[in-house]
Amino acid sequence: MPRTRVKICGITRAEDAAAAAAAGADAIGLVFYAKSPRNIGIEQAQAVVAALPAFVTTVALFKDAAADFIEPVLTAVNIDQIQFHGSESADFCRSFGKPYIKALGMLGELDIEAQAKSYEDARGLLLDAHPPGEAGGGGATFDWNSIPPAMRGGIILAGGLHPGNVFDAVRNVRPYAVDVSSGVEQAKGVKSAAKMQQFINEVQRADGD
């Protein structure tokens, strides 16, 4: 089986970014959304990115942000990919000239296959546990059986994942990647190095199962 990639989202501190990389994370997420407890400013984001070693992808998360909010972030912070978490159109997502991920809320009526066609140039679809158009990060899961089997190997699985359930998530879904935020925290916006390591250990254990 291919290796499941891991993204640790909602990083707000340089030391947490370094710990995530040391634990084996493939990517870290920076949340530029004022209503999130994990919201980060430009200077703080610059410090986080500076703490990362080579080959760890930086992802900037936005939710229904205007272009004049996004562009200064991309100018000031060394971002590799953008994650759009709102109702952004595919044209808007691709307009910034960077690879992008589109998050989809799985709690509600959603035609995943139609969405995949709408965002066909996205580097990945992230499936999260919230109603369409709302914010994630609430620590809830969704019914993994609702993911069409043919799509599972290409999606990024999020929503309520933590060290205690990610083994089952990876073993049952076999996604391309998993994304975790609140499940590896000691407080909102503050990651636990031990929990991040436990999470990645469980992903690796599932990959070998």
N, C-alpha and C. Protein backbone atom coordinates (compact mmCIF):
# COMPACT_ATOMS: atom_id res chain seq x y z
N MET A 1 0.84 -1.19 0.00
CA MET A 1 0.00 0.00 0.00
C MET A 1 0.88 1.25 0.00
N PRO A 2 0.45 2.32 -0.71
CA PRO A 2 1.22 3.56 -0.67
C PRO A 2 1.17 4.20 0.71
N ARG A 3 2.17 5.00 1.01
CA ARG A 3 2.24 5.67 2.30
C ARG A 3 1.19 6.78 2.40
N THR A 4 0.51 6.85 3.52
CA THR A 4 -0.47 7.91 3.76
C THR A 4 0.25 9.17 4.23
N ARG A 5 0.02 10.26 3.52
CA ARG A 5 0.63 11.53 3.91
C ARG A 5 -0.12 12.14 5.09
N VAL A 6 0.59 13.00 5.84
CA VAL A 6 0.00 13.62 7.03
C VAL A 6 0.19 15.12 6.98
N LYS A 7 -0.91 15.85 7.19
CA LYS A 7 -0.85 17.30 7.34
C LYS A 7 -1.32 17.66 8.75
N ILE A 8 -0.52 18.46 9.44
CA ILE A 8 -0.90 19.00 10.74
C ILE A 8 -1.36 20.44 10.51
N CYS A 9 -2.63 20.71 10.74
CA CYS A 9 -3.19 22.01 10.44
C CYS A 9 -3.35 22.86 11.70
N GLY A 10 -3.49 24.17 11.49
CA GLY A 10 -3.71 25.06 12.61
C GLY A 10 -2.47 25.31 13.44
N ILE A 11 -1.30 25.27 12.80
CA ILE A 11 -0.04 25.57 13.50
C ILE A 11 0.03 27.08 13.76
N THR A 12 0.34 27.45 14.98
CA THR A 12 0.46 28.88 15.31
C THR A 12 1.81 29.24 15.92
N ARG A 13 2.64 28.22 16.25
CA ARG A 13 3.91 28.49 16.92
C ARG A 13 5.04 27.81 16.16
N ALA A 14 6.19 28.49 16.12
CA ALA A 14 7.36 27.94 15.43
C ALA A 14 7.77 26.61 16.03
N GLU A 15 7.71 26.49 17.37
CA GLU A 15 8.13 25.24 18.01
C GLU A 15 7.20 24.08 17.65
N ASP A 16 5.93 24.38 17.41
CA ASP A 16 5.01 23.32 17.01
C ASP A 16 5.29 22.87 15.58
N ALA A 17 5.65 23.82 14.72
CA ALA A 17 6.01 23.46 13.35
C ALA A 17 7.24 22.56 13.34
N ALA A 18 8.23 22.91 14.14
CA ALA A 18 9.45 22.09 14.22
C ALA A 18 9.15 20.70 14.76
N ALA A 19 8.27 20.62 15.76
CA ALA A 19 7.91 19.33 16.34
C ALA A 19 7.12 18.48 15.34
N ALA A 20 6.23 19.12 14.58
CA ALA A 20 5.46 18.39 13.56
C ALA A 20 6.40 17.80 12.52
N ALA A 21 7.37 18.59 12.06
CA ALA A 21 8.33 18.10 11.07
C ALA A 21 9.17 16.97 11.65
N ALA A 22 9.59 17.10 12.89
CA ALA A 22 10.41 16.06 13.52
C ALA A 22 9.63 14.77 13.68
N ALA A 23 8.32 14.88 13.87
CA ALA A 23 7.48 13.69 14.02
C ALA A 23 7.23 12.99 12.70
N GLY A 24 7.48 13.69 11.59
CA GLY A 24 7.31 13.08 10.27
C GLY A 24 6.18 13.66 9.45
N ALA A 25 5.65 14.82 9.82
CA ALA A 25 4.57 15.42 9.05
C ALA A 25 5.07 15.80 7.65
N ASP A 26 4.20 15.61 6.67
CA ASP A 26 4.53 15.98 5.29
C ASP A 26 4.19 17.44 5.00
N ALA A 27 3.21 17.98 5.73
CA ALA A 27 2.75 19.34 5.49
C ALA A 27 2.22 19.94 6.77
N ILE A 28 2.26 21.26 6.84
CA ILE A 28 1.64 21.98 7.95
C ILE A 28 0.67 23.01 7.37
N GLY A 29 -0.40 23.30 8.14
CA GLY A 29 -1.40 24.25 7.69
C GLY A 29 -1.41 25.50 8.53
N LEU A 30 -1.51 26.65 7.88
CA LEU A 30 -1.59 27.95 8.53
C LEU A 30 -2.97 28.53 8.23
N VAL A 31 -3.72 28.86 9.27
CA VAL A 31 -5.10 29.29 9.13
C VAL A 31 -5.18 30.82 9.13
N PHE A 32 -5.57 31.38 7.99
CA PHE A 32 -5.76 32.82 7.87
C PHE A 32 -7.27 33.10 7.82
N TYR A 33 -7.89 32.93 8.97
CA TYR A 33 -9.35 33.08 9.08
C TYR A 33 -9.64 33.63 10.46
N ALA A 34 -10.08 34.86 10.54
CA ALA A 34 -10.16 35.58 11.81
C ALA A 34 -11.06 34.91 12.84
N LYS A 35 -12.07 34.17 12.40
CA LYS A 35 -13.01 33.56 13.34
C LYS A 35 -12.48 32.26 13.95
N SER A 36 -11.36 31.80 13.46
CA SER A 36 -10.78 30.55 13.98
C SER A 36 -9.90 30.83 15.19
N PRO A 37 -9.95 29.96 16.22
CA PRO A 37 -9.03 30.09 17.34
C PRO A 37 -7.59 29.80 16.94
N ARG A 38 -7.39 29.31 15.74
CA ARG A 38 -6.05 29.00 15.24
C ARG A 38 -5.61 30.02 14.19
N ASN A 39 -6.29 31.13 14.14
CA ASN A 39 -5.94 32.20 13.20
C ASN A 39 -4.51 32.68 13.45
N ILE A 40 -3.82 32.98 12.37
CA ILE A 40 -2.43 33.39 12.46
C ILE A 40 -2.20 34.65 11.64
N GLY A 41 -1.33 35.52 12.11
CA GLY A 41 -0.97 36.72 11.37
C GLY A 41 0.26 36.50 10.52
N ILE A 42 0.56 37.48 9.69
CA ILE A 42 1.66 37.33 8.73
C ILE A 42 3.01 37.17 9.43
N GLU A 43 3.32 37.99 10.42
CA GLU A 43 4.61 37.87 11.08
C GLU A 43 4.75 36.54 11.81
N GLN A 44 3.68 36.13 12.44
CA GLN A 44 3.67 34.84 13.13
C GLN A 44 3.87 33.70 12.13
N ALA A 45 3.20 33.80 10.98
CA ALA A 45 3.33 32.78 9.94
C ALA A 45 4.74 32.72 9.39
N GLN A 46 5.37 33.88 9.23
CA GLN A 46 6.75 33.90 8.75
C GLN A 46 7.68 33.16 9.71
N ALA A 47 7.46 33.34 11.00
CA ALA A 47 8.28 32.65 12.00
C ALA A 47 8.06 31.15 11.95
N VAL A 48 6.81 30.74 11.76
CA VAL A 48 6.50 29.31 11.67
C VAL A 48 7.20 28.69 10.47
N VAL A 49 7.07 29.33 9.31
CA VAL A 49 7.67 28.79 8.08
C VAL A 49 9.19 28.73 8.21
N ALA A 50 9.77 29.71 8.85
CA ALA A 50 11.24 29.74 9.01
C ALA A 50 11.75 28.59 9.86
N ALA A 51 10.87 28.02 10.68
CA ALA A 51 11.28 26.92 11.57
C ALA A 51 11.24 25.56 10.88
N LEU A 52 10.75 25.52 9.66
CA LEU A 52 10.58 24.23 8.98
C LEU A 52 11.84 23.82 8.22
N PRO A 53 12.14 22.52 8.21
CA PRO A 53 13.24 22.03 7.38
C PRO A 53 12.77 21.86 5.93
N ALA A 54 13.67 21.40 5.09
CA ALA A 54 13.34 21.15 3.68
C ALA A 54 12.30 20.05 3.55
N PHE A 55 11.52 20.14 2.49
CA PHE A 55 10.57 19.11 2.06
C PHE A 55 9.32 18.99 2.93
N VAL A 56 9.04 19.98 3.76
CA VAL A 56 7.76 20.04 4.45
C VAL A 56 6.92 21.12 3.77
N THR A 57 5.78 20.73 3.24
CA THR A 57 4.92 21.64 2.46
C THR A 57 4.16 22.59 3.37
N THR A 58 4.12 23.86 2.99
CA THR A 58 3.35 24.85 3.73
C THR A 58 2.04 25.13 2.99
N VAL A 59 0.94 25.06 3.74
CA VAL A 59 -0.40 25.24 3.16
C VAL A 59 -1.09 26.39 3.89
N ALA A 60 -1.59 27.36 3.13
CA ALA A 60 -2.33 28.49 3.71
C ALA A 60 -3.82 28.24 3.53
N LEU A 61 -4.56 28.30 4.64
CA LEU A 61 -6.00 28.04 4.60
C LEU A 61 -6.76 29.37 4.65
N PHE A 62 -7.71 29.52 3.71
CA PHE A 62 -8.58 30.67 3.66
C PHE A 62 -10.03 30.20 3.55
N LYS A 63 -10.95 30.99 4.07
CA LYS A 63 -12.37 30.69 3.94
C LYS A 63 -13.11 31.93 3.45
N ASP A 64 -13.55 31.89 2.20
CA ASP A 64 -14.31 32.98 1.59
C ASP A 64 -13.63 34.33 1.76
N ALA A 65 -12.32 34.33 1.65
CA ALA A 65 -11.55 35.57 1.77
C ALA A 65 -11.49 36.27 0.42
N ALA A 66 -11.41 37.59 0.47
CA ALA A 66 -11.26 38.37 -0.76
C ALA A 66 -9.84 38.26 -1.29
N ALA A 67 -9.70 38.47 -2.59
CA ALA A 67 -8.37 38.39 -3.21
C ALA A 67 -7.41 39.39 -2.59
N ASP A 68 -7.91 40.57 -2.21
CA ASP A 68 -7.00 41.58 -1.64
C ASP A 68 -6.59 41.25 -0.21
N PHE A 69 -7.18 40.22 0.39
CA PHE A 69 -6.70 39.69 1.67
C PHE A 69 -5.68 38.57 1.43
N ILE A 70 -5.95 37.74 0.44
CA ILE A 70 -5.09 36.58 0.17
C ILE A 70 -3.75 36.99 -0.42
N GLU A 71 -3.76 37.91 -1.36
CA GLU A 71 -2.54 38.23 -2.09
C GLU A 71 -1.40 38.75 -1.20
N PRO A 72 -1.66 39.64 -0.23
CA PRO A 72 -0.56 40.06 0.65
C PRO A 72 0.04 38.92 1.47
N VAL A 73 -0.79 37.94 1.84
CA VAL A 73 -0.27 36.77 2.56
C VAL A 73 0.69 35.99 1.66
N LEU A 74 0.28 35.76 0.43
CA LEU A 74 1.11 34.99 -0.49
C LEU A 74 2.40 35.73 -0.83
N THR A 75 2.36 37.05 -0.81
CA THR A 75 3.56 37.85 -1.08
C THR A 75 4.53 37.79 0.09
N ALA A 76 4.00 37.81 1.31
CA ALA A 76 4.84 37.93 2.50
C ALA A 76 5.30 36.60 3.09
N VAL A 77 4.53 35.54 2.86
CA VAL A 77 4.81 34.25 3.48
C VAL A 77 5.12 33.22 2.40
N ASN A 78 6.12 32.39 2.64
CA ASN A 78 6.53 31.39 1.67
C ASN A 78 5.56 30.21 1.70
N ILE A 79 4.50 30.32 0.91
CA ILE A 79 3.42 29.34 0.88
C ILE A 79 3.57 28.46 -0.36
N ASP A 80 3.42 27.14 -0.18
CA ASP A 80 3.50 26.21 -1.30
C ASP A 80 2.15 25.94 -1.95
N GLN A 81 1.12 25.80 -1.13
CA GLN A 81 -0.22 25.50 -1.63
C GLN A 81 -1.26 26.29 -0.85
N ILE A 82 -2.43 26.46 -1.46
CA ILE A 82 -3.55 27.15 -0.81
C ILE A 82 -4.67 26.13 -0.59
N GLN A 83 -5.31 26.24 0.57
CA GLN A 83 -6.48 25.41 0.87
C GLN A 83 -7.68 26.33 1.03
N PHE A 84 -8.69 26.13 0.19
CA PHE A 84 -9.89 26.95 0.23
C PHE A 84 -10.99 26.18 0.95
N HIS A 85 -11.54 26.80 1.99
CA HIS A 85 -12.46 26.10 2.88
C HIS A 85 -13.88 26.64 2.84
N GLY A 86 -14.17 27.50 1.86
CA GLY A 86 -15.50 28.09 1.80
C GLY A 86 -16.23 27.73 0.52
N SER A 87 -16.93 28.71 -0.03
CA SER A 87 -17.73 28.47 -1.24
C SER A 87 -17.03 29.03 -2.48
N GLU A 88 -15.72 29.08 -2.44
CA GLU A 88 -14.96 29.64 -3.56
C GLU A 88 -15.17 28.83 -4.84
N SER A 89 -15.28 29.55 -5.96
CA SER A 89 -15.40 28.87 -7.25
C SER A 89 -14.04 28.34 -7.69
N ALA A 90 -14.07 27.42 -8.63
CA ALA A 90 -12.82 26.89 -9.16
C ALA A 90 -12.01 27.99 -9.85
N ASP A 91 -12.68 28.89 -10.54
CA ASP A 91 -11.97 29.99 -11.20
C ASP A 91 -11.24 30.85 -10.17
N PHE A 92 -11.89 31.13 -9.04
CA PHE A 92 -11.25 31.92 -7.99
C PHE A 92 -10.07 31.17 -7.42
N CYS A 93 -10.25 29.89 -7.15
CA CYS A 93 -9.18 29.08 -6.54
C CYS A 93 -7.92 29.06 -7.38
N ARG A 94 -8.11 28.98 -8.68
CA ARG A 94 -6.93 28.86 -9.55
C ARG A 94 -6.34 30.22 -9.93
N SER A 95 -6.99 31.30 -9.55
CA SER A 95 -6.57 32.62 -10.01
C SER A 95 -5.28 33.12 -9.36
N PHE A 96 -4.80 32.43 -8.30
CA PHE A 96 -3.62 32.91 -7.58
C PHE A 96 -2.32 32.28 -8.07
N GLY A 97 -2.44 31.39 -9.04
CA GLY A 97 -1.24 30.82 -9.65
C GLY A 97 -0.49 29.84 -8.77
N LYS A 98 -1.15 29.28 -7.77
CA LYS A 98 -0.53 28.28 -6.90
C LYS A 98 -1.39 27.02 -6.88
N PRO A 99 -0.78 25.86 -6.64
CA PRO A 99 -1.57 24.64 -6.47
C PRO A 99 -2.55 24.83 -5.32
N TYR A 100 -3.75 24.27 -5.48
CA TYR A 100 -4.74 24.46 -4.41
C TYR A 100 -5.44 23.17 -4.05
N ILE A 101 -5.94 23.16 -2.81
CA ILE A 101 -6.76 22.08 -2.27
C ILE A 101 -8.14 22.67 -2.01
N LYS A 102 -9.19 21.95 -2.34
CA LYS A 102 -10.55 22.42 -2.04
C LYS A 102 -11.15 21.54 -0.96
N ALA A 103 -11.57 22.17 0.12
CA ALA A 103 -12.22 21.44 1.21
C ALA A 103 -13.72 21.38 0.96
N LEU A 104 -14.30 20.23 1.27
CA LEU A 104 -15.74 20.01 1.11
C LEU A 104 -16.33 19.55 2.44
N GLY A 105 -17.43 20.16 2.84
CA GLY A 105 -18.12 19.76 4.06
C GLY A 105 -19.03 18.57 3.80
N MET A 106 -18.87 17.51 4.58
CA MET A 106 -19.57 16.25 4.34
C MET A 106 -20.86 16.09 5.14
N LEU A 107 -21.19 17.04 5.99
CA LEU A 107 -22.44 16.94 6.75
C LEU A 107 -23.52 17.71 6.01
N GLY A 108 -24.30 17.00 5.22
CA GLY A 108 -25.34 17.62 4.41
C GLY A 108 -25.38 16.97 3.05
N GLU A 109 -26.24 17.50 2.19
CA GLU A 109 -26.37 16.96 0.84
C GLU A 109 -25.19 17.41 -0.01
N LEU A 110 -24.43 16.46 -0.49
CA LEU A 110 -23.25 16.80 -1.28
C LEU A 110 -22.99 15.70 -2.30
N ASP A 111 -22.87 16.10 -3.55
CA ASP A 111 -22.50 15.19 -4.62
C ASP A 111 -20.98 15.30 -4.79
N ILE A 112 -20.25 14.42 -4.13
CA ILE A 112 -18.79 14.51 -4.13
C ILE A 112 -18.23 14.37 -5.53
N GLU A 113 -18.78 13.46 -6.31
CA GLU A 113 -18.24 13.23 -7.64
C GLU A 113 -18.44 14.45 -8.54
N ALA A 114 -19.58 15.14 -8.39
CA ALA A 114 -19.81 16.37 -9.15
C ALA A 114 -18.85 17.46 -8.71
N GLN A 115 -18.60 17.55 -7.40
CA GLN A 115 -17.66 18.54 -6.90
C GLN A 115 -16.25 18.26 -7.43
N ALA A 116 -15.89 17.00 -7.51
CA ALA A 116 -14.57 16.64 -8.03
C ALA A 116 -14.41 17.11 -9.47
N LYS A 117 -15.48 17.04 -10.26
CA LYS A 117 -15.43 17.52 -11.64
C LYS A 117 -15.34 19.05 -11.69
N SER A 118 -16.05 19.71 -10.75
CA SER A 118 -16.02 21.18 -10.72
C SER A 118 -14.63 21.70 -10.41
N TYR A 119 -13.92 20.98 -9.53
CA TYR A 119 -12.57 21.40 -9.12
C TYR A 119 -11.55 20.41 -9.66
N GLU A 120 -11.65 20.11 -10.94
CA GLU A 120 -10.83 19.05 -11.52
C GLU A 120 -9.34 19.37 -11.52
N ASP A 121 -8.97 20.65 -11.44
CA ASP A 121 -7.55 21.00 -11.42
C ASP A 121 -7.01 21.15 -10.01
N ALA A 122 -7.82 20.89 -8.99
CA ALA A 122 -7.33 20.94 -7.61
C ALA A 122 -6.31 19.84 -7.39
N ARG A 123 -5.29 20.11 -6.57
CA ARG A 123 -4.31 19.08 -6.24
C ARG A 123 -4.92 18.01 -5.34
N GLY A 124 -5.99 18.37 -4.65
CA GLY A 124 -6.66 17.40 -3.79
C GLY A 124 -7.98 17.93 -3.30
N LEU A 125 -8.89 17.02 -2.96
CA LEU A 125 -10.14 17.36 -2.29
C LEU A 125 -10.02 16.91 -0.84
N LEU A 126 -10.27 17.83 0.08
CA LEU A 126 -10.22 17.53 1.50
C LEU A 126 -11.64 17.39 2.01
N LEU A 127 -11.97 16.26 2.58
CA LEU A 127 -13.32 15.99 3.08
C LEU A 127 -13.33 16.18 4.58
N ASP A 128 -14.14 17.12 5.05
CA ASP A 128 -14.17 17.50 6.46
C ASP A 128 -15.58 17.32 7.01
N ALA A 129 -15.68 17.33 8.34
CA ALA A 129 -16.94 17.04 9.03
C ALA A 129 -17.65 18.33 9.43
N HIS A 130 -18.21 19.00 8.45
CA HIS A 130 -19.02 20.19 8.71
C HIS A 130 -20.00 20.36 7.56
N PRO A 131 -21.08 21.10 7.76
CA PRO A 131 -22.00 21.35 6.64
C PRO A 131 -21.30 22.13 5.54
N PRO A 132 -21.71 21.94 4.28
CA PRO A 132 -21.09 22.68 3.18
C PRO A 132 -21.10 24.18 3.43
N GLY A 133 -19.95 24.82 3.19
CA GLY A 133 -19.84 26.26 3.34
C GLY A 133 -19.48 26.74 4.72
N GLU A 134 -19.52 25.85 5.72
CA GLU A 134 -19.17 26.26 7.08
C GLU A 134 -17.71 25.91 7.38
N ALA A 135 -17.24 26.37 8.53
CA ALA A 135 -15.84 26.15 8.89
C ALA A 135 -15.65 24.78 9.53
N GLY A 136 -14.46 24.22 9.37
CA GLY A 136 -14.12 22.96 10.02
C GLY A 136 -13.41 23.21 11.33
N GLY A 137 -12.67 22.21 11.79
CA GLY A 137 -11.89 22.36 13.01
C GLY A 137 -12.68 22.13 14.28
N GLY A 138 -13.88 21.56 14.16
CA GLY A 138 -14.71 21.37 15.34
C GLY A 138 -14.51 20.06 16.07
N GLY A 139 -13.67 19.19 15.54
CA GLY A 139 -13.38 17.94 16.22
C GLY A 139 -14.40 16.84 15.99
N ALA A 140 -15.30 17.01 15.03
CA ALA A 140 -16.32 15.99 14.76
C ALA A 140 -15.90 15.13 13.57
N THR A 141 -16.40 13.90 13.54
CA THR A 141 -16.16 13.02 12.40
C THR A 141 -17.41 12.96 11.52
N PHE A 142 -17.29 12.31 10.38
CA PHE A 142 -18.45 12.03 9.53
C PHE A 142 -18.41 10.56 9.13
N ASP A 143 -19.44 10.12 8.46
CA ASP A 143 -19.53 8.72 8.07
C ASP A 143 -18.58 8.45 6.91
N TRP A 144 -17.49 7.76 7.19
CA TRP A 144 -16.50 7.51 6.15
C TRP A 144 -17.06 6.62 5.04
N ASN A 145 -18.12 5.87 5.32
CA ASN A 145 -18.73 5.04 4.28
C ASN A 145 -19.42 5.87 3.20
N SER A 146 -19.60 7.17 3.46
CA SER A 146 -20.24 8.03 2.46
C SER A 146 -19.27 8.44 1.35
N ILE A 147 -18.00 8.11 1.51
CA ILE A 147 -17.02 8.44 0.47
C ILE A 147 -17.08 7.36 -0.61
N PRO A 148 -17.32 7.73 -1.88
CA PRO A 148 -17.36 6.72 -2.94
C PRO A 148 -16.05 5.93 -2.99
N PRO A 149 -16.12 4.61 -3.02
CA PRO A 149 -14.90 3.79 -2.99
C PRO A 149 -13.88 4.17 -4.06
N ALA A 150 -14.35 4.55 -5.24
CA ALA A 150 -13.42 4.85 -6.33
C ALA A 150 -12.62 6.12 -6.07
N MET A 151 -13.10 6.98 -5.15
CA MET A 151 -12.43 8.25 -4.88
C MET A 151 -11.51 8.20 -3.68
N ARG A 152 -11.60 7.16 -2.88
CA ARG A 152 -10.95 7.16 -1.57
C ARG A 152 -9.44 7.30 -1.64
N GLY A 153 -8.81 6.67 -2.60
CA GLY A 153 -7.36 6.72 -2.68
C GLY A 153 -6.79 8.07 -3.04
N GLY A 154 -7.65 9.01 -3.46
CA GLY A 154 -7.17 10.31 -3.88
C GLY A 154 -7.53 11.46 -2.95
N ILE A 155 -8.32 11.17 -1.92
CA ILE A 155 -8.82 12.28 -1.08
C ILE A 155 -7.93 12.51 0.15
N ILE A 156 -8.11 13.69 0.73
CA ILE A 156 -7.49 14.04 2.01
C ILE A 156 -8.59 13.94 3.06
N LEU A 157 -8.43 13.07 4.02
CA LEU A 157 -9.46 12.82 5.02
C LEU A 157 -9.21 13.68 6.25
N ALA A 158 -10.24 14.43 6.66
CA ALA A 158 -10.16 15.28 7.83
C ALA A 158 -11.43 15.10 8.65
N GLY A 159 -11.51 15.84 9.75
CA GLY A 159 -12.72 15.82 10.56
C GLY A 159 -12.64 14.89 11.74
N GLY A 160 -12.30 15.43 12.90
CA GLY A 160 -12.35 14.66 14.14
C GLY A 160 -11.30 13.59 14.29
N LEU A 161 -10.26 13.63 13.50
CA LEU A 161 -9.21 12.62 13.62
C LEU A 161 -8.31 12.92 14.82
N HIS A 162 -7.83 11.86 15.46
CA HIS A 162 -6.94 11.97 16.61
C HIS A 162 -6.18 10.66 16.75
N PRO A 163 -5.21 10.57 17.65
CA PRO A 163 -4.42 9.33 17.74
C PRO A 163 -5.25 8.09 18.03
N GLY A 164 -6.42 8.25 18.63
CA GLY A 164 -7.24 7.10 18.98
C GLY A 164 -8.09 6.54 17.86
N ASN A 165 -8.28 7.31 16.76
CA ASN A 165 -9.14 6.79 15.68
C ASN A 165 -8.50 6.82 14.30
N VAL A 166 -7.30 7.40 14.17
CA VAL A 166 -6.74 7.53 12.84
C VAL A 166 -6.29 6.18 12.27
N PHE A 167 -5.95 5.23 13.12
CA PHE A 167 -5.61 3.89 12.61
C PHE A 167 -6.80 3.31 11.86
N ASP A 168 -7.99 3.36 12.48
CA ASP A 168 -9.19 2.83 11.82
C ASP A 168 -9.54 3.63 10.58
N ALA A 169 -9.34 4.95 10.64
CA ALA A 169 -9.64 5.79 9.48
C ALA A 169 -8.79 5.40 8.28
N VAL A 170 -7.50 5.26 8.50
CA VAL A 170 -6.61 4.91 7.41
C VAL A 170 -6.86 3.50 6.92
N ARG A 171 -7.07 2.58 7.84
CA ARG A 171 -7.29 1.19 7.45
C ARG A 171 -8.59 1.02 6.67
N ASN A 172 -9.64 1.76 7.05
CA ASN A 172 -10.94 1.60 6.40
C ASN A 172 -11.08 2.40 5.11
N VAL A 173 -10.50 3.61 5.07
CA VAL A 173 -10.68 4.47 3.91
C VAL A 173 -9.52 4.36 2.93
N ARG A 174 -8.30 4.22 3.43
CA ARG A 174 -7.08 4.23 2.63
C ARG A 174 -7.00 5.51 1.81
N PRO A 175 -7.05 6.68 2.47
CA PRO A 175 -6.99 7.94 1.74
C PRO A 175 -5.57 8.24 1.28
N TYR A 176 -5.46 9.23 0.42
CA TYR A 176 -4.12 9.70 0.03
C TYR A 176 -3.42 10.33 1.21
N ALA A 177 -4.18 11.10 2.00
CA ALA A 177 -3.60 11.82 3.14
C ALA A 177 -4.64 12.00 4.23
N VAL A 178 -4.16 12.30 5.43
CA VAL A 178 -5.04 12.66 6.54
C VAL A 178 -4.62 14.04 7.05
N ASP A 179 -5.60 14.76 7.58
CA ASP A 179 -5.39 16.13 8.05
C ASP A 179 -5.93 16.22 9.47
N VAL A 180 -5.12 16.71 10.39
CA VAL A 180 -5.52 16.78 11.79
C VAL A 180 -5.21 18.16 12.34
N SER A 181 -6.07 18.63 13.24
CA SER A 181 -5.83 19.92 13.90
C SER A 181 -6.10 19.79 15.40
N SER A 182 -7.38 19.84 15.79
CA SER A 182 -7.71 19.80 17.22
C SER A 182 -7.31 18.49 17.87
N GLY A 183 -7.25 17.41 17.10
CA GLY A 183 -6.95 16.09 17.66
C GLY A 183 -5.54 15.92 18.17
N VAL A 184 -4.66 16.88 17.89
CA VAL A 184 -3.28 16.79 18.40
C VAL A 184 -2.90 18.04 19.20
N GLU A 185 -3.91 18.64 19.82
CA GLU A 185 -3.67 19.87 20.58
C GLU A 185 -3.71 19.63 22.08
N GLN A 186 -2.98 20.49 22.81
CA GLN A 186 -3.10 20.54 24.26
C GLN A 186 -3.98 21.72 24.68
N ALA A 187 -4.15 22.67 23.78
CA ALA A 187 -5.08 23.80 23.92
C ALA A 187 -5.34 24.30 22.51
N LYS A 188 -6.39 25.07 22.31
CA LYS A 188 -6.71 25.53 20.96
C LYS A 188 -5.56 26.36 20.39
N GLY A 189 -5.04 25.89 19.27
CA GLY A 189 -3.93 26.58 18.63
C GLY A 189 -2.56 26.19 19.15
N VAL A 190 -2.52 25.35 20.17
CA VAL A 190 -1.24 24.91 20.75
C VAL A 190 -1.13 23.40 20.59
N LYS A 191 -0.20 22.94 19.80
CA LYS A 191 -0.06 21.52 19.53
C LYS A 191 0.71 20.81 20.64
N SER A 192 0.45 19.51 20.75
CA SER A 192 1.18 18.64 21.65
C SER A 192 2.15 17.82 20.83
N ALA A 193 3.45 17.95 21.11
CA ALA A 193 4.45 17.18 20.38
C ALA A 193 4.20 15.68 20.54
N ALA A 194 3.80 15.26 21.74
CA ALA A 194 3.55 13.84 21.99
C ALA A 194 2.37 13.34 21.17
N LYS A 195 1.30 14.13 21.12
CA LYS A 195 0.12 13.71 20.36
C LYS A 195 0.40 13.67 18.86
N MET A 196 1.17 14.63 18.37
CA MET A 196 1.52 14.61 16.95
C MET A 196 2.32 13.36 16.61
N GLN A 197 3.26 12.99 17.49
CA GLN A 197 4.04 11.79 17.25
C GLN A 197 3.17 10.54 17.32
N GLN A 198 2.27 10.48 18.30
CA GLN A 198 1.36 9.35 18.41
C GLN A 198 0.48 9.23 17.18
N PHE A 199 -0.01 10.36 16.69
CA PHE A 199 -0.88 10.36 15.51
C PHE A 199 -0.13 9.78 14.31
N ILE A 200 1.07 10.28 14.07
CA ILE A 200 1.84 9.81 12.91
C ILE A 200 2.25 8.35 13.08
N ASN A 201 2.56 7.94 14.29
CA ASN A 201 2.86 6.53 14.54
C ASN A 201 1.68 5.64 14.18
N GLU A 202 0.47 6.08 14.51
CA GLU A 202 -0.73 5.30 14.21
C GLU A 202 -1.00 5.25 12.71
N VAL A 203 -0.75 6.34 12.01
CA VAL A 203 -0.87 6.33 10.56
C VAL A 203 0.10 5.32 9.95
N GLN A 204 1.32 5.35 10.40
CA GLN A 204 2.33 4.41 9.89
C GLN A 204 1.97 2.97 10.22
N ARG A 205 1.41 2.77 11.40
CA ARG A 205 0.98 1.41 11.79
C ARG A 205 -0.13 0.92 10.88
N ALA A 206 -1.07 1.82 10.53
CA ALA A 206 -2.16 1.43 9.63
C ALA A 206 -1.64 1.15 8.23
N ASP A 207 -0.66 1.92 7.80
CA ASP A 207 -0.08 1.68 6.48
C ASP A 207 0.55 0.29 6.38
N GLY A 208 1.07 -0.19 7.50
CA GLY A 208 1.71 -1.49 7.50
C GLY A 208 0.77 -2.65 7.80
N ASP A 209 -0.49 -2.33 8.05
CA ASP A 209 -1.47 -3.36 8.45
C ASP A 209 -1.98 -4.13 7.24
